[in-house]
Amino acid sequence: MKPEKTPKDLLIDQLSRKINFAEMERLLLSVTYNLSSDRQYTVDDAFPELIKIIRLLDYEQEGIMEDIIRLEGIVFEHSE
């Protein structure tokens, strides 16, 4: 079993999540702005950035699921 994360580790995890969401927001705003305002920026130009956003969302979802699994283990170990 993994040792409990320290408050510092939990803070680092949450800060990383915030950075990931801020990066995704920046990319979405950039793609949206470029598609709406720049006639030379095409859907083909947007695809790589959109794929990056999807990948970042997937990483974040994996992290959330790992936390849920860890917390389930803690909650159910202590309730038995």
N, C-alpha and C. Protein backbone atom coordinates (compact mmCIF):
# COMPACT_ATOMS: atom_id res chain seq x y z
N MET A 1 0.84 -1.19 0.00
CA MET A 1 0.00 0.00 0.00
C MET A 1 0.88 1.24 0.00
N LYS A 2 0.49 2.24 -0.76
CA LYS A 2 1.24 3.49 -0.84
C LYS A 2 1.08 4.27 0.46
N PRO A 3 2.14 4.94 0.89
CA PRO A 3 2.00 5.78 2.08
C PRO A 3 1.11 6.99 1.79
N GLU A 4 0.49 7.51 2.84
CA GLU A 4 -0.35 8.70 2.69
C GLU A 4 0.46 9.86 2.14
N LYS A 5 -0.17 10.67 1.32
CA LYS A 5 0.50 11.85 0.81
C LYS A 5 0.52 12.92 1.91
N THR A 6 1.60 13.63 1.95
CA THR A 6 1.71 14.72 2.91
C THR A 6 0.90 15.91 2.41
N PRO A 7 0.58 16.85 3.30
CA PRO A 7 -0.13 18.06 2.83
C PRO A 7 0.63 18.77 1.71
N LYS A 8 1.96 18.76 1.79
CA LYS A 8 2.75 19.40 0.72
C LYS A 8 2.54 18.68 -0.60
N ASP A 9 2.53 17.34 -0.57
CA ASP A 9 2.29 16.56 -1.80
C ASP A 9 0.90 16.85 -2.37
N LEU A 10 -0.10 16.93 -1.49
CA LEU A 10 -1.47 17.23 -1.93
C LEU A 10 -1.55 18.63 -2.55
N LEU A 11 -0.85 19.60 -1.95
CA LEU A 11 -0.82 20.95 -2.49
C LEU A 11 -0.17 20.96 -3.88
N ILE A 12 0.92 20.25 -4.02
CA ILE A 12 1.61 20.17 -5.32
C ILE A 12 0.68 19.55 -6.36
N ASP A 13 -0.03 18.49 -5.98
CA ASP A 13 -0.99 17.86 -6.90
C ASP A 13 -2.05 18.85 -7.36
N GLN A 14 -2.61 19.59 -6.42
CA GLN A 14 -3.68 20.53 -6.75
C GLN A 14 -3.16 21.69 -7.59
N LEU A 15 -1.95 22.16 -7.30
CA LEU A 15 -1.36 23.22 -8.12
C LEU A 15 -1.10 22.73 -9.55
N SER A 16 -0.68 21.49 -9.68
CA SER A 16 -0.48 20.91 -11.01
C SER A 16 -1.80 20.85 -11.78
N ARG A 17 -2.85 20.47 -11.08
CA ARG A 17 -4.17 20.44 -11.72
C ARG A 17 -4.57 21.82 -12.19
N LYS A 18 -4.35 22.83 -11.36
CA LYS A 18 -4.71 24.20 -11.72
C LYS A 18 -3.93 24.63 -12.95
N ILE A 19 -2.65 24.29 -13.01
CA ILE A 19 -1.83 24.63 -14.17
C ILE A 19 -2.39 23.94 -15.42
N ASN A 20 -2.76 22.67 -15.28
CA ASN A 20 -3.31 21.95 -16.43
C ASN A 20 -4.58 22.60 -16.93
N PHE A 21 -5.49 22.96 -16.02
CA PHE A 21 -6.73 23.60 -16.45
C PHE A 21 -6.47 24.97 -17.06
N ALA A 22 -5.54 25.72 -16.49
CA ALA A 22 -5.21 27.04 -17.05
C ALA A 22 -4.63 26.88 -18.45
N GLU A 23 -3.80 25.88 -18.66
CA GLU A 23 -3.23 25.63 -19.98
C GLU A 23 -4.32 25.24 -20.98
N MET A 24 -5.25 24.38 -20.56
CA MET A 24 -6.35 23.99 -21.44
C MET A 24 -7.21 25.19 -21.79
N GLU A 25 -7.49 26.03 -20.81
CA GLU A 25 -8.29 27.22 -21.06
C GLU A 25 -7.59 28.15 -22.05
N ARG A 26 -6.30 28.35 -21.86
CA ARG A 26 -5.53 29.21 -22.77
C ARG A 26 -5.57 28.67 -24.19
N LEU A 27 -5.39 27.36 -24.34
CA LEU A 27 -5.42 26.75 -25.67
C LEU A 27 -6.79 26.87 -26.31
N LEU A 28 -7.85 26.62 -25.55
CA LEU A 28 -9.20 26.74 -26.10
C LEU A 28 -9.51 28.17 -26.53
N LEU A 29 -9.12 29.12 -25.72
CA LEU A 29 -9.34 30.52 -26.09
C LEU A 29 -8.56 30.88 -27.34
N SER A 30 -7.33 30.41 -27.41
CA SER A 30 -6.49 30.70 -28.58
C SER A 30 -7.09 30.11 -29.85
N VAL A 31 -7.47 28.85 -29.79
CA VAL A 31 -8.06 28.19 -30.96
C VAL A 31 -9.35 28.89 -31.36
N THR A 32 -10.21 29.18 -30.39
CA THR A 32 -11.49 29.84 -30.68
C THR A 32 -11.27 31.21 -31.30
N TYR A 33 -10.38 31.98 -30.71
CA TYR A 33 -10.10 33.32 -31.24
C TYR A 33 -9.53 33.24 -32.65
N ASN A 34 -8.56 32.36 -32.84
CA ASN A 34 -7.93 32.25 -34.16
C ASN A 34 -8.91 31.79 -35.23
N LEU A 35 -9.76 30.83 -34.90
CA LEU A 35 -10.75 30.36 -35.88
C LEU A 35 -11.75 31.46 -36.23
N SER A 36 -12.11 32.28 -35.25
CA SER A 36 -13.14 33.29 -35.52
C SER A 36 -12.58 34.57 -36.13
N SER A 37 -11.30 34.85 -35.94
CA SER A 37 -10.79 36.15 -36.38
C SER A 37 -9.77 36.10 -37.51
N ASP A 38 -9.20 34.95 -37.76
CA ASP A 38 -8.10 34.87 -38.73
C ASP A 38 -8.50 33.94 -39.87
N ARG A 39 -8.69 34.51 -41.03
CA ARG A 39 -9.12 33.70 -42.17
C ARG A 39 -8.04 32.70 -42.61
N GLN A 40 -6.81 32.94 -42.27
CA GLN A 40 -5.74 32.01 -42.68
C GLN A 40 -5.57 30.86 -41.68
N TYR A 41 -6.11 31.01 -40.48
CA TYR A 41 -6.07 29.95 -39.48
C TYR A 41 -7.24 29.03 -39.78
N THR A 42 -6.94 27.80 -40.16
CA THR A 42 -7.98 26.88 -40.63
C THR A 42 -8.28 25.82 -39.58
N VAL A 43 -9.31 25.06 -39.88
CA VAL A 43 -9.66 23.93 -39.01
C VAL A 43 -8.47 22.97 -38.93
N ASP A 44 -7.77 22.79 -40.03
CA ASP A 44 -6.59 21.91 -40.03
C ASP A 44 -5.52 22.43 -39.08
N ASP A 45 -5.40 23.75 -38.96
CA ASP A 45 -4.45 24.33 -38.00
C ASP A 45 -4.91 24.08 -36.56
N ALA A 46 -6.21 24.05 -36.35
CA ALA A 46 -6.76 23.89 -35.01
C ALA A 46 -6.66 22.46 -34.50
N PHE A 47 -6.68 21.47 -35.39
CA PHE A 47 -6.69 20.07 -34.97
C PHE A 47 -5.56 19.71 -34.00
N PRO A 48 -4.30 20.03 -34.27
CA PRO A 48 -3.24 19.65 -33.33
C PRO A 48 -3.45 20.26 -31.93
N GLU A 49 -3.91 21.50 -31.89
CA GLU A 49 -4.15 22.12 -30.59
C GLU A 49 -5.33 21.48 -29.87
N LEU A 50 -6.36 21.15 -30.61
CA LEU A 50 -7.51 20.48 -30.00
C LEU A 50 -7.13 19.09 -29.49
N ILE A 51 -6.31 18.39 -30.23
CA ILE A 51 -5.85 17.07 -29.79
C ILE A 51 -5.03 17.21 -28.50
N LYS A 52 -4.21 18.25 -28.41
CA LYS A 52 -3.43 18.49 -27.19
C LYS A 52 -4.37 18.73 -26.00
N ILE A 53 -5.43 19.49 -26.21
CA ILE A 53 -6.39 19.75 -25.15
C ILE A 53 -7.05 18.45 -24.71
N ILE A 54 -7.43 17.63 -25.66
CA ILE A 54 -8.06 16.34 -25.34
C ILE A 54 -7.09 15.48 -24.53
N ARG A 55 -5.83 15.48 -24.92
CA ARG A 55 -4.82 14.70 -24.20
C ARG A 55 -4.66 15.22 -22.77
N LEU A 56 -4.62 16.54 -22.59
CA LEU A 56 -4.52 17.12 -21.25
C LEU A 56 -5.73 16.77 -20.39
N LEU A 57 -6.92 16.81 -20.99
CA LEU A 57 -8.12 16.42 -20.26
C LEU A 57 -8.06 14.96 -19.84
N ASP A 58 -7.54 14.11 -20.71
CA ASP A 58 -7.40 12.69 -20.39
C ASP A 58 -6.44 12.50 -19.22
N TYR A 59 -5.31 13.19 -19.23
CA TYR A 59 -4.35 13.10 -18.12
C TYR A 59 -5.00 13.54 -16.82
N GLU A 60 -5.75 14.62 -16.87
CA GLU A 60 -6.39 15.13 -15.67
C GLU A 60 -7.44 14.14 -15.16
N GLN A 61 -8.18 13.55 -16.07
CA GLN A 61 -9.19 12.55 -15.68
C GLN A 61 -8.52 11.35 -15.01
N GLU A 62 -7.38 10.92 -15.53
CA GLU A 62 -6.64 9.81 -14.92
C GLU A 62 -6.21 10.17 -13.50
N GLY A 63 -5.73 11.40 -13.31
CA GLY A 63 -5.31 11.84 -11.99
C GLY A 63 -6.47 11.88 -11.01
N ILE A 64 -7.61 12.35 -11.47
CA ILE A 64 -8.80 12.40 -10.62
C ILE A 64 -9.22 10.99 -10.22
N MET A 65 -9.20 10.07 -11.18
CA MET A 65 -9.59 8.68 -10.88
C MET A 65 -8.62 8.04 -9.89
N GLU A 66 -7.32 8.32 -10.02
CA GLU A 66 -6.35 7.79 -9.06
C GLU A 66 -6.65 8.30 -7.66
N ASP A 67 -7.00 9.57 -7.54
CA ASP A 67 -7.35 10.14 -6.23
C ASP A 67 -8.61 9.50 -5.67
N ILE A 68 -9.60 9.28 -6.52
CA ILE A 68 -10.85 8.65 -6.06
C ILE A 68 -10.57 7.25 -5.55
N ILE A 69 -9.78 6.49 -6.30
CA ILE A 69 -9.46 5.12 -5.88
C ILE A 69 -8.71 5.13 -4.56
N ARG A 70 -7.75 6.05 -4.43
CA ARG A 70 -6.98 6.15 -3.19
C ARG A 70 -7.88 6.52 -2.03
N LEU A 71 -8.76 7.49 -2.23
CA LEU A 71 -9.65 7.92 -1.17
C LEU A 71 -10.67 6.84 -0.81
N GLU A 72 -11.15 6.11 -1.79
CA GLU A 72 -12.05 4.99 -1.51
C GLU A 72 -11.38 3.99 -0.59
N GLY A 73 -10.11 3.68 -0.90
CA GLY A 73 -9.37 2.74 -0.06
C GLY A 73 -9.25 3.23 1.37
N ILE A 74 -8.97 4.52 1.53
CA ILE A 74 -8.84 5.09 2.86
C ILE A 74 -10.18 5.05 3.60
N VAL A 75 -11.25 5.47 2.92
CA VAL A 75 -12.57 5.55 3.55
C VAL A 75 -13.05 4.16 3.94
N PHE A 76 -12.95 3.21 3.05
CA PHE A 76 -13.50 1.89 3.33
C PHE A 76 -12.61 1.07 4.25
N GLU A 77 -11.31 1.35 4.28
CA GLU A 77 -10.44 0.66 5.25
C GLU A 77 -10.79 1.08 6.66
N HIS A 78 -11.08 2.37 6.85
CA HIS A 78 -11.34 2.89 8.18
C HIS A 78 -12.77 2.60 8.64
N SER A 79 -13.68 2.32 7.72
CA SER A 79 -15.07 2.10 8.13
C SER A 79 -15.34 0.64 8.50
N GLU A 80 -14.42 -0.25 8.20
CA GLU A 80 -14.64 -1.67 8.50
C GLU A 80 -14.25 -2.01 9.91
